[in-house]
Every structure is written in C-alpha cells, then in structure tokens.
C-alpha atoms as a PDB file:
ATOM      1  CA  MET A   1      27.406  47.784 -70.456  1.00  0.00           C
ATOM      2  CA  GLU A   2      28.589  48.142 -66.863  1.00  0.00           C
ATOM      3  CA  ASN A   3      31.093  45.641 -65.783  1.00  0.00           C
ATOM      4  CA  ARG A   4      30.624  44.047 -62.394  1.00  0.00           C
ATOM      5  CA  LYS A   5      33.368  42.711 -60.366  1.00  0.00           C
ATOM      6  CA  SER A   6      32.826  39.069 -59.395  1.00  0.00           C
ATOM      7  CA  ARG A   7      32.695  38.418 -55.657  1.00  0.00           C
ATOM      8  CA  ARG A   8      35.423  36.176 -54.504  1.00  0.00           C
ATOM      9  CA  PRO A   9      34.813  33.915 -51.494  1.00  0.00           C
ATOM     10  CA  ARG A  10      36.390  35.394 -48.442  1.00  0.00           C
ATOM     11  CA  ARG A  11      39.425  33.399 -47.322  1.00  0.00           C
ATOM     12  CA  ARG A  12      39.326  32.192 -43.744  1.00  0.00           C
ATOM     13  CA  ASP A  13      42.281  32.805 -41.445  1.00  0.00           C
ATOM     14  CA  PRO A  14      44.164  29.503 -41.146  1.00  0.00           C
ATOM     15  CA  GLU A  15      44.721  30.119 -37.442  1.00  0.00           C
ATOM     16  CA  LEU A  16      41.091  30.729 -36.946  1.00  0.00           C
ATOM     17  CA  GLU A  17      40.307  27.490 -38.756  1.00  0.00           C
ATOM     18  CA  ARG A  18      42.731  25.649 -36.432  1.00  0.00           C
ATOM     19  CA  ARG A  19      40.943  27.028 -33.415  1.00  0.00           C
ATOM     20  CA  ILE A  20      37.559  26.008 -34.693  1.00  0.00           C
ATOM     21  CA  GLU A  21      38.778  22.505 -35.507  1.00  0.00           C
ATOM     22  CA  ALA A  22      40.367  22.185 -32.055  1.00  0.00           C
ATOM     23  CA  LEU A  23      37.183  23.286 -30.311  1.00  0.00           C
ATOM     24  CA  ILE A  24      35.056  20.769 -32.281  1.00  0.00           C
ATOM     25  CA  ARG A  25      37.540  18.010 -31.508  1.00  0.00           C
ATOM     26  CA  ASP A  26      38.268  18.743 -27.833  1.00  0.00           C
ATOM     27  CA  SER A  27      34.856  20.122 -26.622  1.00  0.00           C
ATOM     28  CA  GLY A  28      32.396  18.426 -28.966  1.00  0.00           C
ATOM     29  CA  LEU A  29      30.955  21.749 -30.112  1.00  0.00           C
ATOM     30  CA  SER A  30      29.031  22.155 -33.329  1.00  0.00           C
ATOM     31  CA  ARG A  31      30.872  24.017 -36.083  1.00  0.00           C
ATOM     32  CA  ALA A  32      28.571  26.981 -35.656  1.00  0.00           C
ATOM     33  CA  SER A  33      29.184  27.241 -31.928  1.00  0.00           C
ATOM     34  CA  ALA A  34      32.874  26.584 -32.312  1.00  0.00           C
ATOM     35  CA  THR A  35      33.029  29.385 -34.846  1.00  0.00           C
ATOM     36  CA  GLN A  36      31.362  31.751 -32.515  1.00  0.00           C
ATOM     37  CA  VAL A  37      33.692  30.932 -29.679  1.00  0.00           C
ATOM     38  CA  ALA A  38      36.749  31.175 -31.867  1.00  0.00           C
ATOM     39  CA  LEU A  39      35.640  34.605 -33.031  1.00  0.00           C
ATOM     40  CA  GLY A  40      35.137  35.630 -29.346  1.00  0.00           C
ATOM     41  CA  ARG A  41      31.473  36.092 -29.718  1.00  0.00           C
ATOM     42  CA  LEU A  42      30.620  33.458 -27.151  1.00  0.00           C
ATOM     43  CA  GLU A  43      32.303  32.196 -23.983  1.00  0.00           C
ATOM     44  CA  LEU A  44      33.374  28.522 -24.114  1.00  0.00           C
ATOM     45  CA  ASN A  45      32.106  27.830 -20.561  1.00  0.00           C
ATOM     46  CA  GLU A  46      28.637  29.287 -21.362  1.00  0.00           C
ATOM     47  CA  VAL A  47      28.372  27.105 -24.446  1.00  0.00           C
ATOM     48  CA  LEU A  48      29.478  24.047 -22.489  1.00  0.00           C
ATOM     49  CA  LYS A  49      26.981  24.765 -19.774  1.00  0.00           C
ATOM     50  CA  LYS A  50      24.158  24.940 -22.341  1.00  0.00           C
ATOM     51  CA  MET A  51      25.256  21.776 -23.936  1.00  0.00           C
ATOM     52  CA  ALA A  52      25.334  19.957 -20.476  1.00  0.00           C
ATOM     53  CA  LEU A  53      21.868  21.360 -19.642  1.00  0.00           C
ATOM     54  CA  ALA A  54      20.480  20.225 -23.037  1.00  0.00           C
ATOM     55  CA  ALA A  55      21.928  16.757 -22.440  1.00  0.00           C
ATOM     56  CA  GLU A  56      20.441  16.498 -19.013  1.00  0.00           C
ATOM     57  CA  VAL A  57      17.050  17.603 -20.154  1.00  0.00           C
ATOM     58  CA  ASP A  58      17.059  15.007 -22.991  1.00  0.00           C
ATOM     59  CA  SER A  59      18.098  12.373 -20.362  1.00  0.00           C
ATOM     60  CA  LEU A  60      15.341  13.253 -18.027  1.00  0.00           C
ATOM     61  CA  ILE A  61      12.795  13.138 -20.756  1.00  0.00           C
ATOM     62  CA  ARG A  62      14.112   9.793 -21.963  1.00  0.00           C
ATOM     63  CA  ARG A  63      14.329   8.104 -18.409  1.00  0.00           C
ATOM     64  CA  HIS A  64      11.183   9.566 -16.794  1.00  0.00           C
ATOM     65  CA  GLU A  65       8.947  10.555 -19.594  1.00  0.00           C
ATOM     66  CA  LEU A  66       8.728  14.184 -18.532  1.00  0.00           C
ATOM     67  CA  SER A  67       7.589  17.069 -20.657  1.00  0.00           C
ATOM     68  CA  ARG A  68      10.478  19.170 -21.969  1.00  0.00           C
ATOM     69  CA  ALA A  69       9.372  22.147 -19.847  1.00  0.00           C
ATOM     70  CA  LEU A  70       9.268  20.069 -16.660  1.00  0.00           C
ATOM     71  CA  ALA A  71      12.566  18.307 -17.412  1.00  0.00           C
ATOM     72  CA  THR A  72      14.105  21.810 -17.975  1.00  0.00           C
ATOM     73  CA  GLN A  73      12.761  22.993 -14.539  1.00  0.00           C
ATOM     74  CA  VAL A  74      14.331  19.846 -12.890  1.00  0.00           C
ATOM     75  CA  ALA A  75      17.716  20.356 -14.682  1.00  0.00           C
ATOM     76  CA  LEU A  76      17.811  23.927 -13.577  1.00  0.00           C
ATOM     77  CA  GLY A  77      16.989  23.049  -9.968  1.00  0.00           C
ATOM     78  CA  GLN A  78      13.679  24.853 -10.069  1.00  0.00           C
ATOM     79  CA  ALA A  79      11.687  21.485  -9.495  1.00  0.00           C
ATOM     80  CA  ASP A  80      12.551  18.490  -7.359  1.00  0.00           C
ATOM     81  CA  LEU A  81      12.628  15.248  -9.421  1.00  0.00           C
ATOM     82  CA  GLU A  82      11.705  12.976  -6.431  1.00  0.00           C
ATOM     83  CA  ALA A  83       8.672  15.258  -5.706  1.00  0.00           C
ATOM     84  CA  VAL A  84       7.627  15.299  -9.337  1.00  0.00           C
ATOM     85  CA  LEU A  85       7.747  11.521  -9.566  1.00  0.00           C
ATOM     86  CA  PHE A  86       6.020  10.934  -6.162  1.00  0.00           C
ATOM     87  CA  LYS A  87       3.210  13.236  -7.327  1.00  0.00           C
ATOM     88  CA  ARG A  88       2.866  11.369 -10.468  1.00  0.00           C
ATOM     89  CA  ARG A  89       2.850   7.975  -8.699  1.00  0.00           C
ATOM     90  CA  MET A  90       0.220   9.263  -6.308  1.00  0.00           C
ATOM     91  CA  ALA A  91      -2.003  10.443  -9.051  1.00  0.00           C
ATOM     92  CA  ASP A  92      -1.761   7.153 -10.857  1.00  0.00           C
ATOM     93  CA  HIS A  93      -2.491   5.186  -7.747  1.00  0.00           C
ATOM     94  CA  LEU A  94      -5.470   7.375  -6.601  1.00  0.00           C
ATOM     95  CA  GLY A  95      -6.733   7.361 -10.146  1.00  0.00           C
ATOM     96  CA  ALA A  96      -6.954   3.555  -9.923  1.00  0.00           C
ATOM     97  CA  ASN A  97      -8.041   3.139  -6.315  1.00  0.00           C
ATOM     98  CA  ALA A  98      -9.778   6.417  -5.146  1.00  0.00           C
ATOM     99  CA  ASN A  99     -13.296   5.010  -5.547  1.00  0.00           C
ATOM    100  CA  ARG A 100     -12.400   1.373  -4.562  1.00  0.00           C
ATOM    101  CA  SER A 101     -14.886  -0.137  -2.188  1.00  0.00           C
ATOM    102  CA  VAL A 102     -14.347  -3.548  -0.513  1.00  0.00           C
ATOM    103  CA  LEU A 103     -17.970  -3.634   0.370  1.00  0.00           C
ATOM    104  CA  ALA A 104     -18.976  -3.140  -3.344  1.00  0.00           C
ATOM    105  CA  GLU A 105     -16.461  -5.866  -4.299  1.00  0.00           C
ATOM    106  CA  ALA A 106     -17.945  -8.303  -1.726  1.00  0.00           C
ATOM    107  CA  LEU A 107     -21.455  -7.437  -3.017  1.00  0.00           C
ATOM    108  CA  GLU A 108     -20.358  -8.419  -6.547  1.00  0.00           C
ATOM    109  CA  SER A 109     -18.357 -11.504  -5.643  1.00  0.00           C
ATOM    110  CA  LYS A 110     -20.814 -12.650  -2.890  1.00  0.00           C
ATOM    111  CA  ALA A 111     -17.921 -13.133  -0.599  1.00  0.00           C
ATOM    112  CA  LYS A 112     -18.690 -13.395   3.174  1.00  0.00           C
ATOM    113  CA  LEU A 113     -16.988 -10.770   5.245  1.00  0.00           C
ATOM    114  CA  ALA A 114     -16.132 -10.425   8.865  1.00  0.00           C
ATOM    115  CA  LEU A 115     -17.100  -6.871   9.799  1.00  0.00           C
ATOM    116  CA  ALA A 116     -16.098  -5.061  12.931  1.00  0.00           C
ATOM    117  CA  LEU A 117     -18.958  -2.673  13.690  1.00  0.00           C
ATOM    118  CA  HIS A 118     -19.134  -0.291  16.664  1.00  0.00           C
ATOM    119  CA  GLY A 119     -20.024  -2.406  19.672  1.00  0.00           C
ATOM    120  CA  ARG A 120     -20.169  -5.802  17.920  1.00  0.00           C
ATOM    121  CA  ASP A 121     -18.761  -7.988  15.210  1.00  0.00           C
ATOM    122  CA  VAL A 122     -20.763  -9.716  12.518  1.00  0.00           C
ATOM    123  CA  GLU A 123     -20.154 -12.185   9.702  1.00  0.00           C
ATOM    124  CA  SER A 124     -22.208 -11.686   6.533  1.00  0.00           C
ATOM    125  CA  ARG A 125     -22.557 -11.382   2.957  1.00  0.00           C
ATOM    126  CA  ILE A 126     -23.618  -8.008   1.503  1.00  0.00           C
ATOM    127  CA  ALA A 127     -27.211  -7.930   0.314  1.00  0.00           C
ATOM    128  CA  SER A 128     -27.135  -4.365  -1.185  1.00  0.00           C
ATOM    129  CA  LEU A 129     -25.405  -1.037  -0.769  1.00  0.00           C
ATOM    130  CA  ASP A 130     -26.889   2.494  -0.646  1.00  0.00           C
ATOM    131  CA  ARG A 131     -24.905   5.694  -0.462  1.00  0.00           C
ATOM    132  CA  TYR A 132     -24.742   5.701   3.298  1.00  0.00           C
ATOM    133  CA  GLU A 133     -26.006   2.244   4.332  1.00  0.00           C
ATOM    134  CA  VAL A 134     -24.960  -1.305   3.875  1.00  0.00           C
ATOM    135  CA  HIS A 135     -27.599  -4.059   3.905  1.00  0.00           C
ATOM    136  CA  LEU A 136     -26.245  -7.235   5.450  1.00  0.00           C
ATOM    137  CA  GLU A 137     -27.957 -10.584   4.785  1.00  0.00           C
ATOM    138  CA  SER A 138     -27.484 -11.365   8.592  1.00  0.00           C
ATOM    139  CA  GLU A 139     -29.263  -8.193   9.742  1.00  0.00           C
ATOM    140  CA  ASP A 140     -32.892  -7.196   9.674  1.00  0.00           C
ATOM    141  CA  GLU A 141     -31.968  -3.378   9.642  1.00  0.00           C
ATOM    142  CA  PRO A 142     -29.511  -1.677   7.410  1.00  0.00           C
ATOM    143  CA  VAL A 143     -26.226  -0.645   8.988  1.00  0.00           C
ATOM    144  CA  HIS A 144     -24.861   2.901   8.433  1.00  0.00           C
ATOM    145  CA  LYS A 145     -21.446   2.749   6.799  1.00  0.00           C
ATOM    146  CA  LEU A 146     -19.967   4.877   9.678  1.00  0.00           C
ATOM    147  CA  GLN A 147     -20.650   1.913  11.909  1.00  0.00           C
ATOM    148  CA  VAL A 148     -18.094  -0.200  10.022  1.00  0.00           C
ATOM    149  CA  LYS A 149     -14.578   0.167  11.374  1.00  0.00           C
ATOM    150  CA  TRP A 150     -12.622  -2.627   9.549  1.00  0.00           C
ATOM    151  CA  CYS A 151     -13.274  -5.841   7.709  1.00  0.00           C
ATOM    152  CA  CYS A 152     -11.692  -8.795   6.147  1.00  0.00           C
ATOM    153  CA  PRO A 153     -12.618 -12.126   4.475  1.00  0.00           C
ATOM    154  CA  VAL A 154     -14.240 -14.468   7.028  1.00  0.00           C
ATOM    155  CA  MET A 155     -11.533 -17.123   6.343  1.00  0.00           C
ATOM    156  CA  ILE A 156      -8.717 -14.894   7.668  1.00  0.00           C
ATOM    157  CA  LYS A 157     -10.678 -13.298  10.540  1.00  0.00           C
ATOM    158  CA  LYS A 158      -8.977 -15.301  13.278  1.00  0.00           C
ATOM    159  CA  LYS A 159      -5.486 -14.589  11.881  1.00  0.00           C
ATOM    160  CA  ALA A 160      -6.345 -10.963  11.591  1.00  0.00           C
ATOM    161  CA  ARG A 161      -7.623 -10.687  15.240  1.00  0.00           C
ATOM    162  CA  ARG A 162      -4.517 -12.358  16.551  1.00  0.00           C
ATOM    163  CA  THR A 163      -2.574  -9.250  15.346  1.00  0.00           C
ATOM    164  CA  LEU A 164      -4.920  -6.845  17.168  1.00  0.00           C
ATOM    165  CA  SER A 165      -3.952  -5.027  20.327  1.00  0.00           C
ATOM    166  CA  TRP A 166      -5.827  -2.354  22.347  1.00  0.00           C
ATOM    167  CA  SER A 167      -5.392   1.152  23.445  1.00  0.00           C
ATOM    168  CA  ASP A 168      -7.106   2.625  26.509  1.00  0.00           C
ATOM    169  CA  LEU A 169      -9.973   3.706  24.269  1.00  0.00           C
ATOM    170  CA  LYS A 170     -11.251   0.138  24.830  1.00  0.00           C
ATOM    171  CA  ASP A 171     -12.528   1.216  28.172  1.00  0.00           C
ATOM    172  CA  LYS A 172     -14.044   4.447  26.935  1.00  0.00           C
ATOM    173  CA  PRO A 173     -14.838   3.769  23.221  1.00  0.00           C
ATOM    174  CA  ARG A 174     -15.867   6.646  20.920  1.00  0.00           C
ATOM    175  CA  GLU A 175     -18.991   6.653  18.912  1.00  0.00           C
ATOM    176  CA  PRO A 176     -18.916   7.141  15.106  1.00  0.00           C
ATOM    177  CA  VAL A 177     -18.086  10.669  14.134  1.00  0.00           C
ATOM    178  CA  TRP A 178     -20.938  11.920  12.076  1.00  0.00           C
ATOM    179  CA  LYS A 179     -19.614  15.289  10.917  1.00  0.00           C
ATOM    180  CA  PRO A 180     -16.688  15.043   8.398  1.00  0.00           C
ATOM    181  CA  GLN A 181     -15.077  18.193   9.893  1.00  0.00           C
ATOM    182  CA  ASP A 182     -14.864  16.491  13.292  1.00  0.00           C
ATOM    183  CA  ARG A 183     -13.107  13.293  12.046  1.00  0.00           C
ATOM    184  CA  TYR A 184      -9.463  12.494  12.353  1.00  0.00           C
ATOM    185  CA  THR A 185      -7.647  14.157   9.405  1.00  0.00           C
ATOM    186  CA  CYS A 186      -5.331  12.148   7.348  1.00  0.00           C
ATOM    187  CA  SER A 187      -4.584  13.378   3.845  1.00  0.00           C
ATOM    188  CA  ASN A 188      -4.282  11.235   0.718  1.00  0.00           C
ATOM    189  CA  ARG A 189      -0.720  12.492   0.331  1.00  0.00           C
ATOM    190  CA  ARG A 190       0.217  11.293   3.842  1.00  0.00           C
ATOM    191  CA  LEU A 191      -1.336   7.887   3.357  1.00  0.00           C
ATOM    192  CA  PHE A 192       0.195   7.393  -0.019  1.00  0.00           C
ATOM    193  CA  GLY A 193       3.542   8.449   1.380  1.00  0.00           C
ATOM    194  CA  TYR A 194       3.267   5.514   3.811  1.00  0.00           C
ATOM    195  CA  PHE A 195       2.300   3.179   0.965  1.00  0.00           C
ATOM    196  CA  ASP A 196       5.029   4.491  -1.370  1.00  0.00           C
ATOM    197  CA  ARG A 197       7.734   4.100   1.217  1.00  0.00           C
ATOM    198  CA  GLU A 198       6.420   0.795   2.530  1.00  0.00           C
ATOM    199  CA  THR A 199       6.332   2.269   5.927  1.00  0.00           C
ATOM    200  CA  VAL A 200       5.211   0.069   8.866  1.00  0.00           C
ATOM    201  CA  VAL A 201       2.372   2.053  10.462  1.00  0.00           C
ATOM    202  CA  GLU A 202       0.360   1.835  13.645  1.00  0.00           C
ATOM    203  CA  VAL A 203      -3.364   2.359  13.081  1.00  0.00           C
ATOM    204  CA  LYS A 204      -5.628   3.176  16.012  1.00  0.00           C
ATOM    205  CA  LEU A 205      -9.464   3.100  15.708  1.00  0.00           C
ATOM    206  CA  LEU A 206     -12.259   4.710  17.602  1.00  0.00           C
ATOM    207  CA  GLU A 207     -13.044   1.800  19.938  1.00  0.00           C
ATOM    208  CA  GLY A 208      -9.398   1.159  20.788  1.00  0.00           C
ATOM    209  CA  GLU A 209      -8.202  -1.355  18.226  1.00  0.00           C
ATOM    210  CA  ILE A 210      -4.526  -1.091  17.239  1.00  0.00           C
ATOM    211  CA  PHE A 211      -3.167  -2.735  14.136  1.00  0.00           C
ATOM    212  CA  ARG A 212       0.401  -2.597  12.770  1.00  0.00           C
ATOM    213  CA  GLY A 213       1.254  -3.213   9.224  1.00  0.00           C
ATOM    214  CA  LYS A 214       2.012  -1.797   5.713  1.00  0.00           C
ATOM    215  CA  LEU A 215      -0.532  -0.115   3.441  1.00  0.00           C
ATOM    216  CA  THR A 216      -1.451  -2.064   0.353  1.00  0.00           C
ATOM    217  CA  TRP A 217      -3.626   0.473  -1.386  1.00  0.00           C
ATOM    218  CA  VAL A 218      -5.329   3.906  -0.583  1.00  0.00           C
ATOM    219  CA  GLY A 219      -8.761   4.978  -1.517  1.00  0.00           C
ATOM    220  CA  ARG A 220     -10.971   7.985  -0.521  1.00  0.00           C
ATOM    221  CA  PHE A 221     -12.857   5.998   2.132  1.00  0.00           C
ATOM    222  CA  GLU A 222     -10.820   2.883   2.838  1.00  0.00           C
ATOM    223  CA  PHE A 223      -7.260   1.612   2.652  1.00  0.00           C
ATOM    224  CA  GLY A 224      -5.778  -1.908   2.747  1.00  0.00           C
ATOM    225  CA  LEU A 225      -3.391  -2.901   5.550  1.00  0.00           C
ATOM    226  CA  LEU A 226      -1.180  -5.910   5.443  1.00  0.00           C
ATOM    227  CA  VAL A 227      -0.712  -6.938   9.066  1.00  0.00           C
ATOM    228  CA  LYS A 228       2.256  -8.814  10.500  1.00  0.00           C
ATOM    229  CA  ASN A 229       0.973 -12.326   9.796  1.00  0.00           C
ATOM    230  CA  LYS A 230       0.624 -11.545   6.149  1.00  0.00           C
ATOM    231  CA  VAL A 231      -3.144 -11.069   5.991  1.00  0.00           C
ATOM    232  CA  GLU A 232      -4.820  -8.078   4.567  1.00  0.00           C
ATOM    233  CA  ILE A 233      -7.652  -6.209   6.259  1.00  0.00           C
ATOM    234  CA  THR A 234      -9.456  -3.153   5.132  1.00  0.00           C
ATOM    235  CA  VAL A 235      -9.607  -0.111   7.363  1.00  0.00           C
ATOM    236  CA  PHE A 236     -12.284   2.593   7.000  1.00  0.00           C
ATOM    237  CA  ARG A 237     -10.798   6.055   7.233  1.00  0.00           C
ATOM    238  CA  HIS A 238     -13.913   7.460   9.142  1.00  0.00           C
ATOM    239  CA  ALA A 239     -13.033   5.015  12.022  1.00  0.00           C
ATOM    240  CA  LEU A 240      -9.460   6.406  12.490  1.00  0.00           C
ATOM    241  CA  VAL A 241      -8.368   8.052  15.709  1.00  0.00           C
ATOM    242  CA  HIS A 242      -4.646   8.093  14.749  1.00  0.00           C
ATOM    243  CA  ILE A 243      -2.192   6.675  12.116  1.00  0.00           C
ATOM    244  CA  GLY A 244       1.581   7.103  12.268  1.00  0.00           C
ATOM    245  CA  THR A 245       4.978   5.395  11.947  1.00  0.00           C
ATOM    246  CA  ALA A 246       4.922   2.302  14.172  1.00  0.00           C
ATOM    247  CA  PRO A 247       7.185   2.619  17.333  1.00  0.00           C
END
C-alpha cells in the first residue's frame, strides 16, 4: 500500500501577518483585501477608493431612496443628484396635479366662482362641464373653456383684483388662441421649477392682466398662484402671454 505524505498547513510569514493586521487596523480593510494589498496584488489607494465609493453609494441609497445603479452614477459623477431629485419631485407633483381642474372641483362642491372671461367678468356656479365647454348657471349659452383666463372663489374676488395691474395689452387685447401651436409655450418643467424654488413670478395674460405671486400647484391646463395679499387664484395656461421671474 502506497504511503501518502500528509499535507501540512503552509506557515505564514510573520512579517506578512504583521502587514495584514496593520492594514486592517489602520485602513479598515477586510482581511481578504488586506492580504491582497500586503502581497502586492492590489494597490492600497485603489482599494480605499472602492471602499469610499461603496460607502457613498450606500449613503445615497439610504438618504434619498435611489436605486443602486442610479446611486452609483451619482457617486461617480455621471448623474447630478439635484437634477435627479428635481425630476422625481416633478414627477410626483405632476402625477398628483396634472389633471386637476378647478372648474371640476367647483362643479362638485357647488362653490360660486368669479371668472374672468375674455371681455367680461362673471360670477356663477358651474352647472356642467364638457370637454371644451363650461356651462354656467348664470349664462344661457355654454362658454368655451378658452374664454376663461383666470378665476377664484367669489369671496376673495375683491382682494384678488386689488393685486391686479395692467400691461399695454389692455388697450389692444388679444382674442383666445384657438390653435395649440400658436399659444405661448411654457413647459411643465419650467413652471414646476418656479414652484419648486418658490420663485416670485410675473404672469401676463392675453387681455393685459398682470399678477405677481408664487405658484402653489401646476397642472396640464391650469396652475395656482398665491398673489401678494395671500389669496390664491387659478390661471389658465391657454390665456398666458408671458410668465417669468418678477422684476
């Protein structure tokens, strides 16, 4: 019967062991990584960079609830954290408000609104709504939604109008713009940016009205505006002729 030599465990170099222990103690490396560095198979700086990256990724995931892939892009400088968070806030806000309609809310609540229409103001409850028209209890004929420029609850109408000023369009008012491609362009991103930064904006409408205030919400067709005496009006986006940072 053939005798086999028993394998003895290989003895480690005491100096190597001291280097490994020192790396673990001084640099926080795992034993496996410290061993590779001590043997010259890995560079200490590279290992430390990877550790720092992993720690930053974990921190981003924990603090901002990012996916690991997105957190890694941010940690590597391939994505901007503020832009990522802004995009998420905008998506959440539009998800909740994109289809909001103050007219539909007034129909449900039976609230009486003060409505600024092209050429005239009315006070009325909403009788019914169609896709393009609003039926007012005070009117015999339906009103096309493009005729509505802004509105607010009747009880705050006087306060809202006291914040109103006028541009030179008052003397040469524009008619409703029927074709979407011909209307003043203002993206959801831009409007939400004003809302998110709490920017004081100046809003100009087709018949010359000017309001200044902060946006309170942004929808596809309307947005809320808190004017300077702390009352909120609703502005219809199709009636805009300009919006920008207030001078």
